[in-house]
Amino acid sequence: MSDEDLKRCLDVLKTSDLRFSLVCDVIAFTESDKSYNEAEQQQIKIIAAYLKVSSGQLSLLYQFTKKAIQEIPKNSEALVSEETTPSNFLESLGFGYKMKNAGYKYQFNI
């Protein structure tokens, strides 16, 4: 994908809260091989800045993604059986309030 193609795709998300989900997904993807490096971190910062994700929000998204990666396997059965909803999962990790304060308004319509 060219830089121009990437920018066109990111432009669609600039005004959407889905930009936070994309950044979380990119963080999780880059950390999945256990060899997360400075170049990957810089690319995430560039994407986040382009999407108008503040440095505070980005820091919180890093924290959330790392915690979620640790906790999802422990809670996967409850999430699948709908005993735990995504919003309850956020709260259980201690991120609901933090995310609201960082300007992220999450809503789940499942």
Foldseek 3Di string as FASTA:
>chain_A
DDPVVVLVVLVVCLPPLCLLVVLLVLLCVQCVVVPNDPVSVVVSVVSCVSSVQDPLNSVLSNVVSVLCVVCCVVCVVCPVVVVADPLNVCVVSVRNVVCVVSVRDDDDDD
